[in-house]
N, C-alpha and C. Protein backbone atom coordinates (compact mmCIF):
# COMPACT_ATOMS: atom_id res chain seq x y z
N MET A 1 -96.35 188.29 79.46
CA MET A 1 -96.70 188.55 80.84
C MET A 1 -97.28 187.26 81.42
N SER A 2 -96.77 186.88 82.57
CA SER A 2 -97.23 185.64 83.19
C SER A 2 -98.67 185.81 83.69
N SER A 3 -99.36 184.70 83.81
CA SER A 3 -100.75 184.76 84.26
C SER A 3 -100.84 185.23 85.71
N SER A 4 -99.83 184.92 86.54
CA SER A 4 -99.88 185.38 87.94
C SER A 4 -99.68 186.89 88.01
N LEU A 5 -98.82 187.44 87.16
CA LEU A 5 -98.64 188.89 87.12
C LEU A 5 -99.90 189.56 86.61
N ARG A 6 -100.49 188.99 85.56
CA ARG A 6 -101.73 189.53 84.99
C ARG A 6 -102.84 189.48 86.05
N SER A 7 -102.90 188.41 86.80
CA SER A 7 -103.91 188.28 87.86
C SER A 7 -103.68 189.30 88.97
N SER A 8 -102.42 189.51 89.32
CA SER A 8 -102.09 190.48 90.36
C SER A 8 -102.45 191.91 89.93
N ILE A 9 -102.14 192.24 88.69
CA ILE A 9 -102.48 193.57 88.15
C ILE A 9 -104.00 193.73 88.12
N GLY A 10 -104.69 192.71 87.64
CA GLY A 10 -106.16 192.76 87.59
C GLY A 10 -106.77 192.93 88.97
N SER A 11 -106.20 192.25 89.96
CA SER A 11 -106.69 192.37 91.33
C SER A 11 -106.46 193.78 91.87
N SER A 12 -105.30 194.35 91.58
CA SER A 12 -105.00 195.72 92.03
C SER A 12 -105.93 196.73 91.38
N ILE A 13 -106.20 196.56 90.11
CA ILE A 13 -107.12 197.46 89.41
C ILE A 13 -108.52 197.33 90.00
N GLY A 14 -108.94 196.10 90.26
CA GLY A 14 -110.26 195.87 90.87
C GLY A 14 -110.36 196.53 92.24
N THR A 15 -109.31 196.42 93.03
CA THR A 15 -109.30 197.06 94.36
C THR A 15 -109.39 198.57 94.22
N PHE A 16 -108.62 199.14 93.28
CA PHE A 16 -108.67 200.58 93.03
C PHE A 16 -110.09 201.00 92.63
N ASP A 17 -110.67 200.29 91.67
CA ASP A 17 -112.03 200.61 91.21
C ASP A 17 -113.04 200.55 92.35
N ASP A 18 -112.97 199.50 93.17
CA ASP A 18 -113.90 199.34 94.29
C ASP A 18 -113.72 200.45 95.33
N THR A 19 -112.48 200.83 95.59
CA THR A 19 -112.21 201.88 96.57
C THR A 19 -112.81 203.21 96.12
N ILE A 20 -112.60 203.57 94.87
CA ILE A 20 -113.12 204.84 94.35
C ILE A 20 -114.65 204.78 94.30
N ASP A 21 -115.20 203.65 93.90
CA ASP A 21 -116.66 203.53 93.87
C ASP A 21 -117.26 203.73 95.26
N ARG A 22 -116.63 203.14 96.27
CA ARG A 22 -117.11 203.32 97.65
C ARG A 22 -117.00 204.77 98.11
N PHE A 23 -116.01 205.49 97.60
CA PHE A 23 -115.86 206.91 97.94
C PHE A 23 -117.11 207.70 97.53
N PHE A 24 -117.67 207.38 96.37
CA PHE A 24 -118.84 208.10 95.87
C PHE A 24 -120.15 207.63 96.51
N GLU A 25 -120.18 206.44 97.05
CA GLU A 25 -121.42 205.85 97.54
C GLU A 25 -122.19 206.72 98.53
N PRO A 26 -121.56 207.33 99.53
CA PRO A 26 -122.33 208.11 100.51
C PRO A 26 -123.10 209.29 99.92
N VAL A 27 -122.66 209.82 98.79
CA VAL A 27 -123.35 210.99 98.23
C VAL A 27 -124.25 210.66 97.04
N ARG A 28 -124.18 209.44 96.56
CA ARG A 28 -125.09 209.05 95.47
C ARG A 28 -126.52 209.14 95.97
N GLY A 29 -127.38 209.69 95.14
CA GLY A 29 -128.78 209.85 95.53
C GLY A 29 -129.06 211.20 96.14
N SER A 30 -128.03 211.98 96.43
CA SER A 30 -128.20 213.34 96.93
C SER A 30 -128.56 214.24 95.75
N LYS A 31 -129.61 215.02 95.92
CA LYS A 31 -130.12 215.83 94.81
C LYS A 31 -129.04 216.71 94.18
N GLY A 32 -128.26 217.40 94.98
CA GLY A 32 -127.23 218.29 94.45
C GLY A 32 -126.16 217.56 93.68
N PHE A 33 -125.62 216.49 94.29
CA PHE A 33 -124.58 215.72 93.61
C PHE A 33 -125.12 215.04 92.36
N ASP A 34 -126.32 214.47 92.46
CA ASP A 34 -126.93 213.83 91.29
C ASP A 34 -127.10 214.83 90.14
N THR A 35 -127.59 216.02 90.46
CA THR A 35 -127.82 217.03 89.43
C THR A 35 -126.52 217.37 88.71
N VAL A 36 -125.47 217.65 89.48
CA VAL A 36 -124.19 218.02 88.88
C VAL A 36 -123.62 216.86 88.06
N ALA A 37 -123.61 215.67 88.63
CA ALA A 37 -123.00 214.53 87.94
C ALA A 37 -123.74 214.15 86.67
N TYR A 38 -125.06 214.05 86.76
CA TYR A 38 -125.81 213.64 85.57
C TYR A 38 -125.81 214.73 84.50
N LEU A 39 -125.85 216.00 84.90
CA LEU A 39 -125.79 217.09 83.94
C LEU A 39 -124.42 217.13 83.27
N ALA A 40 -123.36 217.02 84.04
CA ALA A 40 -122.00 217.03 83.47
C ALA A 40 -121.82 215.87 82.50
N SER A 41 -122.30 214.71 82.88
CA SER A 41 -122.17 213.54 82.04
C SER A 41 -122.93 213.72 80.72
N GLU A 42 -124.14 214.24 80.82
CA GLU A 42 -124.96 214.46 79.62
C GLU A 42 -124.38 215.54 78.71
N LEU A 43 -123.91 216.64 79.29
CA LEU A 43 -123.34 217.72 78.48
C LEU A 43 -122.10 217.27 77.72
N ALA A 44 -121.39 216.31 78.27
CA ALA A 44 -120.17 215.84 77.61
C ALA A 44 -120.42 214.72 76.61
N ASP A 45 -121.66 214.21 76.52
CA ASP A 45 -121.96 213.20 75.50
C ASP A 45 -121.61 213.73 74.13
N TYR A 46 -120.91 212.91 73.36
CA TYR A 46 -120.50 213.27 71.99
C TYR A 46 -119.66 214.56 71.98
N SER A 47 -119.08 214.93 73.11
CA SER A 47 -118.26 216.14 73.26
C SER A 47 -119.02 217.42 72.98
N VAL A 48 -120.34 217.38 73.06
CA VAL A 48 -121.16 218.55 72.74
C VAL A 48 -120.77 219.76 73.59
N GLY A 49 -120.66 219.58 74.89
CA GLY A 49 -120.31 220.69 75.77
C GLY A 49 -118.94 221.27 75.44
N TRP A 50 -117.98 220.38 75.12
CA TRP A 50 -116.64 220.86 74.77
C TRP A 50 -116.69 221.66 73.46
N HIS A 51 -117.46 221.17 72.50
CA HIS A 51 -117.59 221.90 71.24
C HIS A 51 -118.26 223.26 71.45
N LEU A 52 -119.25 223.31 72.34
CA LEU A 52 -119.91 224.60 72.62
C LEU A 52 -118.94 225.58 73.28
N LEU A 53 -118.15 225.12 74.24
CA LEU A 53 -117.15 225.99 74.86
C LEU A 53 -116.11 226.45 73.84
N ASN A 54 -115.70 225.54 72.98
CA ASN A 54 -114.73 225.84 71.94
C ASN A 54 -115.27 226.91 70.98
N ALA A 55 -116.50 226.72 70.55
CA ALA A 55 -117.12 227.69 69.63
C ALA A 55 -117.30 229.05 70.31
N THR A 56 -117.65 229.03 71.57
CA THR A 56 -117.83 230.27 72.31
C THR A 56 -116.52 231.06 72.39
N THR A 57 -115.41 230.37 72.63
CA THR A 57 -114.13 231.07 72.70
C THR A 57 -113.78 231.67 71.34
N ALA A 58 -114.06 230.96 70.26
CA ALA A 58 -113.76 231.47 68.92
C ALA A 58 -114.65 232.66 68.58
N LEU A 59 -115.91 232.61 68.98
CA LEU A 59 -116.82 233.73 68.73
C LEU A 59 -116.42 234.96 69.55
N ALA A 60 -115.93 234.72 70.75
CA ALA A 60 -115.52 235.83 71.63
C ALA A 60 -114.25 236.51 71.11
N SER A 61 -113.41 235.75 70.45
CA SER A 61 -112.15 236.30 69.95
C SER A 61 -111.79 235.63 68.62
N PRO A 62 -112.05 236.31 67.50
CA PRO A 62 -111.75 235.72 66.19
C PRO A 62 -110.29 235.27 66.02
N ARG A 63 -109.37 235.84 66.76
CA ARG A 63 -107.97 235.39 66.66
C ARG A 63 -107.81 233.95 67.15
N LEU A 64 -108.80 233.45 67.89
CA LEU A 64 -108.73 232.08 68.40
C LEU A 64 -109.34 231.06 67.43
N GLU A 65 -109.84 231.52 66.30
CA GLU A 65 -110.47 230.58 65.35
C GLU A 65 -109.56 229.43 64.94
N PRO A 66 -108.27 229.67 64.62
CA PRO A 66 -107.41 228.52 64.26
C PRO A 66 -107.30 227.50 65.40
N LYS A 67 -107.24 227.98 66.63
CA LYS A 67 -107.16 227.06 67.78
C LYS A 67 -108.49 226.31 67.95
N ALA A 68 -109.59 226.97 67.64
CA ALA A 68 -110.90 226.31 67.73
C ALA A 68 -111.02 225.21 66.68
N VAL A 69 -110.52 225.48 65.49
CA VAL A 69 -110.55 224.46 64.44
C VAL A 69 -109.68 223.28 64.85
N ARG A 70 -108.49 223.58 65.38
CA ARG A 70 -107.60 222.50 65.84
C ARG A 70 -108.29 221.65 66.90
N MET A 71 -108.97 222.30 67.84
CA MET A 71 -109.63 221.54 68.90
C MET A 71 -110.78 220.70 68.34
N ALA A 72 -111.57 221.25 67.45
CA ALA A 72 -112.70 220.50 66.89
C ALA A 72 -112.19 219.26 66.15
N LEU A 73 -111.14 219.44 65.37
CA LEU A 73 -110.58 218.29 64.63
C LEU A 73 -109.94 217.28 65.58
N THR A 74 -109.29 217.78 66.64
CA THR A 74 -108.66 216.88 67.61
C THR A 74 -109.71 216.08 68.37
N LEU A 75 -110.82 216.71 68.72
CA LEU A 75 -111.89 215.97 69.40
C LEU A 75 -112.46 214.88 68.49
N GLY A 76 -112.55 215.17 67.20
CA GLY A 76 -112.99 214.14 66.25
C GLY A 76 -112.01 212.98 66.19
N ALA A 77 -110.72 213.30 66.14
CA ALA A 77 -109.69 212.26 66.12
C ALA A 77 -109.71 211.45 67.42
N GLU A 78 -109.87 212.16 68.54
CA GLU A 78 -109.93 211.48 69.84
C GLU A 78 -111.07 210.47 69.88
N SER A 79 -112.22 210.87 69.37
CA SER A 79 -113.37 209.96 69.36
C SER A 79 -113.09 208.72 68.50
N LEU A 80 -112.48 208.93 67.35
CA LEU A 80 -112.14 207.78 66.49
C LEU A 80 -111.14 206.86 67.18
N ILE A 81 -110.13 207.44 67.81
CA ILE A 81 -109.10 206.63 68.48
C ILE A 81 -109.70 205.84 69.63
N VAL A 82 -110.47 206.52 70.48
CA VAL A 82 -111.01 205.86 71.68
C VAL A 82 -112.15 204.92 71.33
N ASN A 83 -113.17 205.44 70.65
CA ASN A 83 -114.37 204.64 70.39
C ASN A 83 -114.20 203.64 69.26
N GLY A 84 -113.44 204.02 68.24
CA GLY A 84 -113.26 203.12 67.11
C GLY A 84 -112.04 202.24 67.20
N GLY A 85 -111.06 202.65 68.03
CA GLY A 85 -109.82 201.91 68.11
C GLY A 85 -109.62 201.16 69.41
N LEU A 86 -109.59 201.90 70.53
CA LEU A 86 -109.24 201.27 71.80
C LEU A 86 -110.36 200.45 72.43
N LYS A 87 -111.56 200.98 72.46
CA LYS A 87 -112.66 200.25 73.12
C LYS A 87 -112.91 198.87 72.49
N PRO A 88 -112.90 198.75 71.15
CA PRO A 88 -113.08 197.42 70.57
C PRO A 88 -111.95 196.45 70.89
N ILE A 89 -110.77 196.97 71.15
CA ILE A 89 -109.65 196.09 71.51
C ILE A 89 -109.84 195.54 72.92
N PHE A 90 -110.18 196.42 73.87
CA PHE A 90 -110.25 196.00 75.27
C PHE A 90 -111.57 195.35 75.65
N LYS A 91 -112.67 195.80 75.06
CA LYS A 91 -114.00 195.20 75.29
C LYS A 91 -114.34 195.01 76.77
N ARG A 92 -113.96 195.96 77.60
CA ARG A 92 -114.23 195.83 79.03
C ARG A 92 -115.70 196.08 79.33
N GLU A 93 -116.24 195.25 80.19
CA GLU A 93 -117.63 195.39 80.62
C GLU A 93 -117.77 196.64 81.49
N ARG A 94 -118.92 197.25 81.43
CA ARG A 94 -119.22 198.39 82.29
C ARG A 94 -119.49 197.87 83.71
N PRO A 95 -119.45 198.76 84.72
CA PRO A 95 -119.73 198.30 86.09
C PRO A 95 -121.07 197.58 86.16
N ALA A 96 -121.15 196.62 87.05
CA ALA A 96 -122.35 195.80 87.18
C ALA A 96 -123.60 196.64 87.44
N GLU A 97 -123.45 197.75 88.14
CA GLU A 97 -124.59 198.58 88.52
C GLU A 97 -124.99 199.59 87.44
N TRP A 98 -124.29 199.61 86.31
CA TRP A 98 -124.56 200.67 85.34
C TRP A 98 -125.96 200.58 84.76
N GLU A 99 -126.52 199.43 84.68
CA GLU A 99 -127.88 199.29 84.17
C GLU A 99 -128.88 200.04 85.05
N ASP A 100 -128.71 199.97 86.38
CA ASP A 100 -129.59 200.70 87.29
C ASP A 100 -129.42 202.20 87.12
N ALA A 101 -128.16 202.65 87.00
CA ALA A 101 -127.88 204.08 86.85
C ALA A 101 -128.42 204.59 85.52
N ALA A 102 -128.37 203.76 84.50
CA ALA A 102 -128.81 204.19 83.17
C ALA A 102 -130.30 204.52 83.14
N SER A 103 -131.04 203.99 84.09
CA SER A 103 -132.48 204.27 84.12
C SER A 103 -132.76 205.70 84.60
N LEU A 104 -131.73 206.39 85.10
CA LEU A 104 -131.91 207.74 85.63
C LEU A 104 -131.69 208.81 84.54
N GLN A 105 -132.29 208.63 83.39
CA GLN A 105 -132.24 209.60 82.31
C GLN A 105 -130.84 209.83 81.76
N VAL A 106 -129.98 208.85 81.78
CA VAL A 106 -128.65 208.96 81.21
C VAL A 106 -128.63 208.14 79.93
N ARG A 107 -127.98 208.69 78.91
CA ARG A 107 -127.84 207.96 77.66
C ARG A 107 -127.15 206.62 77.93
N ARG A 108 -127.70 205.59 77.38
CA ARG A 108 -127.14 204.26 77.58
C ARG A 108 -125.97 204.05 76.61
N PRO A 109 -124.76 203.92 77.14
CA PRO A 109 -123.60 203.73 76.27
C PRO A 109 -123.69 202.43 75.48
N ARG A 110 -123.21 202.49 74.23
CA ARG A 110 -123.21 201.30 73.38
C ARG A 110 -121.82 200.71 73.23
N THR A 111 -120.82 201.46 73.69
CA THR A 111 -119.44 201.00 73.53
C THR A 111 -118.94 200.36 74.82
N ALA A 112 -117.75 199.78 74.73
CA ALA A 112 -117.13 199.16 75.90
C ALA A 112 -116.75 200.24 76.92
N SER A 113 -116.38 199.81 78.09
CA SER A 113 -116.12 200.72 79.19
C SER A 113 -114.71 201.33 79.18
N PHE A 114 -113.74 200.62 78.64
CA PHE A 114 -112.34 201.04 78.75
C PHE A 114 -111.79 201.46 77.41
N PRO A 115 -111.19 202.66 77.35
CA PRO A 115 -111.08 203.73 78.32
C PRO A 115 -112.30 204.65 78.23
N SER A 116 -112.44 205.53 79.19
CA SER A 116 -113.57 206.46 79.21
C SER A 116 -113.39 207.54 78.14
N GLY A 117 -114.33 207.60 77.22
CA GLY A 117 -114.30 208.65 76.20
C GLY A 117 -114.60 210.02 76.79
N HIS A 118 -115.44 210.05 77.82
CA HIS A 118 -115.73 211.33 78.48
C HIS A 118 -114.45 211.90 79.12
N ALA A 119 -113.68 211.03 79.76
CA ALA A 119 -112.43 211.50 80.38
C ALA A 119 -111.40 211.89 79.34
N SER A 120 -111.32 211.13 78.26
CA SER A 120 -110.33 211.46 77.23
C SER A 120 -110.69 212.76 76.52
N SER A 121 -111.94 212.95 76.17
CA SER A 121 -112.33 214.20 75.50
C SER A 121 -112.19 215.38 76.46
N GLY A 122 -112.44 215.17 77.74
CA GLY A 122 -112.26 216.23 78.72
C GLY A 122 -110.80 216.67 78.83
N ALA A 123 -109.89 215.71 78.81
CA ALA A 123 -108.46 216.05 78.87
C ALA A 123 -108.03 216.79 77.61
N VAL A 124 -108.48 216.32 76.45
CA VAL A 124 -108.18 217.02 75.20
C VAL A 124 -108.68 218.46 75.28
N ALA A 125 -109.93 218.62 75.68
CA ALA A 125 -110.53 219.95 75.76
C ALA A 125 -109.79 220.83 76.75
N ALA A 126 -109.45 220.30 77.92
CA ALA A 126 -108.76 221.10 78.93
C ALA A 126 -107.40 221.57 78.42
N ILE A 127 -106.67 220.70 77.76
CA ILE A 127 -105.36 221.09 77.22
C ILE A 127 -105.50 222.16 76.14
N LEU A 128 -106.40 221.95 75.19
CA LEU A 128 -106.49 222.87 74.08
C LEU A 128 -107.22 224.16 74.43
N LEU A 129 -108.21 224.10 75.31
CA LEU A 129 -108.84 225.34 75.77
C LEU A 129 -107.87 226.14 76.64
N SER A 130 -107.04 225.45 77.42
CA SER A 130 -106.03 226.14 78.23
C SER A 130 -105.01 226.84 77.34
N ASP A 131 -104.71 226.25 76.20
CA ASP A 131 -103.80 226.88 75.25
C ASP A 131 -104.46 228.11 74.61
N ALA A 132 -105.76 228.02 74.37
CA ALA A 132 -106.48 229.13 73.75
C ALA A 132 -106.73 230.27 74.73
N VAL A 133 -107.17 229.93 75.94
CA VAL A 133 -107.50 230.94 76.96
C VAL A 133 -106.83 230.52 78.27
N PRO A 134 -105.53 230.79 78.40
CA PRO A 134 -104.78 230.34 79.58
C PRO A 134 -105.32 230.86 80.91
N ALA A 135 -105.91 232.03 80.90
CA ALA A 135 -106.42 232.60 82.15
C ALA A 135 -107.53 231.74 82.77
N LEU A 136 -108.18 230.93 81.93
CA LEU A 136 -109.27 230.08 82.42
C LEU A 136 -108.85 228.62 82.61
N LYS A 137 -107.55 228.37 82.63
CA LYS A 137 -107.05 227.00 82.77
C LYS A 137 -107.66 226.26 83.96
N PRO A 138 -107.77 226.86 85.16
CA PRO A 138 -108.40 226.13 86.27
C PRO A 138 -109.86 225.75 85.97
N LEU A 139 -110.56 226.62 85.28
CA LEU A 139 -111.95 226.31 84.90
C LEU A 139 -112.01 225.13 83.94
N TRP A 140 -111.16 225.14 82.92
CA TRP A 140 -111.17 224.04 81.93
C TRP A 140 -110.85 222.71 82.59
N TRP A 141 -109.80 222.69 83.44
CA TRP A 141 -109.42 221.44 84.10
C TRP A 141 -110.45 221.04 85.15
N GLY A 142 -111.05 222.02 85.82
CA GLY A 142 -112.10 221.71 86.78
C GLY A 142 -113.30 221.06 86.10
N ALA A 143 -113.69 221.61 84.97
CA ALA A 143 -114.82 221.04 84.21
C ALA A 143 -114.48 219.63 83.74
N ALA A 144 -113.27 219.43 83.25
CA ALA A 144 -112.86 218.09 82.80
C ALA A 144 -112.88 217.10 83.97
N ALA A 145 -112.43 217.54 85.14
CA ALA A 145 -112.43 216.66 86.32
C ALA A 145 -113.85 216.31 86.76
N VAL A 146 -114.76 217.28 86.71
CA VAL A 146 -116.16 217.01 87.09
C VAL A 146 -116.77 216.00 86.11
N VAL A 147 -116.53 216.20 84.82
CA VAL A 147 -117.06 215.26 83.82
C VAL A 147 -116.49 213.87 84.05
N ALA A 148 -115.19 213.77 84.23
CA ALA A 148 -114.55 212.47 84.44
C ALA A 148 -115.10 211.79 85.71
N GLY A 149 -115.18 212.55 86.79
CA GLY A 149 -115.72 211.99 88.03
C GLY A 149 -117.17 211.58 87.91
N SER A 150 -117.91 212.32 87.08
CA SER A 150 -119.33 212.00 86.90
C SER A 150 -119.53 210.61 86.32
N ARG A 151 -118.57 210.14 85.54
CA ARG A 151 -118.71 208.84 84.92
C ARG A 151 -118.60 207.70 85.93
N VAL A 152 -117.81 207.91 86.97
CA VAL A 152 -117.74 206.92 88.06
C VAL A 152 -118.98 207.09 88.94
N TYR A 153 -119.31 208.33 89.25
CA TYR A 153 -120.48 208.62 90.10
C TYR A 153 -121.74 207.99 89.52
N THR A 154 -121.94 208.12 88.21
CA THR A 154 -123.15 207.59 87.55
C THR A 154 -123.04 206.10 87.24
N ARG A 155 -121.91 205.53 87.59
CA ARG A 155 -121.65 204.09 87.37
C ARG A 155 -121.60 203.71 85.90
N MET A 156 -121.24 204.65 85.06
CA MET A 156 -121.07 204.34 83.64
C MET A 156 -119.68 203.76 83.38
N HIS A 157 -118.74 204.04 84.30
CA HIS A 157 -117.35 203.59 84.14
C HIS A 157 -116.76 203.17 85.48
N HIS A 158 -115.76 202.31 85.38
CA HIS A 158 -114.89 202.00 86.50
C HIS A 158 -113.92 203.17 86.62
N ALA A 159 -113.39 203.41 87.80
CA ALA A 159 -112.43 204.50 88.00
C ALA A 159 -111.19 204.32 87.12
N SER A 160 -110.75 203.09 86.94
CA SER A 160 -109.57 202.86 86.10
C SER A 160 -109.84 203.20 84.63
N ASP A 161 -111.09 203.08 84.18
CA ASP A 161 -111.45 203.51 82.82
C ASP A 161 -111.23 205.01 82.68
N VAL A 162 -111.62 205.73 83.73
CA VAL A 162 -111.51 207.19 83.73
C VAL A 162 -110.04 207.62 83.75
N VAL A 163 -109.24 206.97 84.58
CA VAL A 163 -107.81 207.29 84.63
C VAL A 163 -107.17 207.03 83.26
N ALA A 164 -107.47 205.88 82.69
CA ALA A 164 -106.91 205.55 81.37
C ALA A 164 -107.39 206.55 80.31
N GLY A 165 -108.66 206.92 80.36
CA GLY A 165 -109.18 207.90 79.41
C GLY A 165 -108.48 209.23 79.55
N ALA A 166 -108.24 209.67 80.78
CA ALA A 166 -107.54 210.93 81.00
C ALA A 166 -106.11 210.88 80.46
N VAL A 167 -105.45 209.74 80.63
CA VAL A 167 -104.08 209.58 80.12
C VAL A 167 -104.09 209.63 78.59
N VAL A 168 -105.01 208.90 77.97
CA VAL A 168 -105.11 208.89 76.51
C VAL A 168 -105.43 210.28 75.99
N GLY A 169 -106.39 210.95 76.60
CA GLY A 169 -106.77 212.29 76.17
C GLY A 169 -105.64 213.29 76.33
N THR A 170 -104.90 213.16 77.42
CA THR A 170 -103.75 214.05 77.63
C THR A 170 -102.72 213.84 76.52
N ALA A 171 -102.45 212.59 76.19
CA ALA A 171 -101.49 212.31 75.12
C ALA A 171 -101.97 212.88 73.78
N ILE A 172 -103.25 212.73 73.49
CA ILE A 172 -103.80 213.24 72.23
C ILE A 172 -103.76 214.77 72.22
N GLY A 173 -104.14 215.39 73.31
CA GLY A 173 -104.12 216.85 73.38
C GLY A 173 -102.72 217.43 73.23
N LEU A 174 -101.76 216.81 73.91
CA LEU A 174 -100.37 217.27 73.81
C LEU A 174 -99.82 217.04 72.40
N ALA A 175 -100.19 215.92 71.80
CA ALA A 175 -99.75 215.64 70.42
C ALA A 175 -100.32 216.68 69.46
N ALA A 176 -101.58 217.05 69.66
CA ALA A 176 -102.19 218.05 68.78
C ALA A 176 -101.48 219.40 68.91
N LYS A 177 -101.13 219.78 70.14
CA LYS A 177 -100.39 221.04 70.33
C LYS A 177 -99.03 220.99 69.65
N ARG A 178 -98.40 219.84 69.73
CA ARG A 178 -97.05 219.70 69.14
C ARG A 178 -97.12 219.63 67.61
N LEU A 179 -98.08 218.88 67.10
CA LEU A 179 -98.19 218.69 65.64
C LEU A 179 -98.76 219.92 64.93
N VAL A 180 -99.61 220.65 65.65
CA VAL A 180 -100.24 221.86 65.06
C VAL A 180 -100.03 223.03 66.02
N PRO A 181 -98.78 223.53 66.10
CA PRO A 181 -98.52 224.63 67.03
C PRO A 181 -99.13 225.93 66.50
N LEU A 182 -99.88 226.60 67.33
CA LEU A 182 -100.53 227.85 66.92
C LEU A 182 -100.20 228.96 67.91
């Protein structure tokens, strides 16, 4: 790839990130939006919220236990792929303002910014929970979207990190359904 093409792509990504960041700016600092965004972000740390939803579905219906095991193992694999594989390759810096946001009771990330692990685990969870309980598909995808958006809102990620994370998570979730059909 030529350096001018790489520069053009980088400029386009930067413009996209800046545009989405500006979209959130008017509501940052609003008690309601802050509460939702920071809570969603915290609940999704280490995929804890997704694991709780997964366990709840299995407890509610024992026939879903195999799907719950598949999801738990897939979330573990997703974390290894994203945090142990992709982030060290890309080593993207977090948004410049993330240090200020981190002071607002948010866990300070230790990994690189690209791709977003919160967005990837959310996509995995939405796909596999939708397979387990299809009637709640809008809820699963809505929760995943709130978590993903919260990462831009809290300035923990660039918007392009979140998009890439959602793409990676979707691929992992679909692969898990295909490799372990239940």
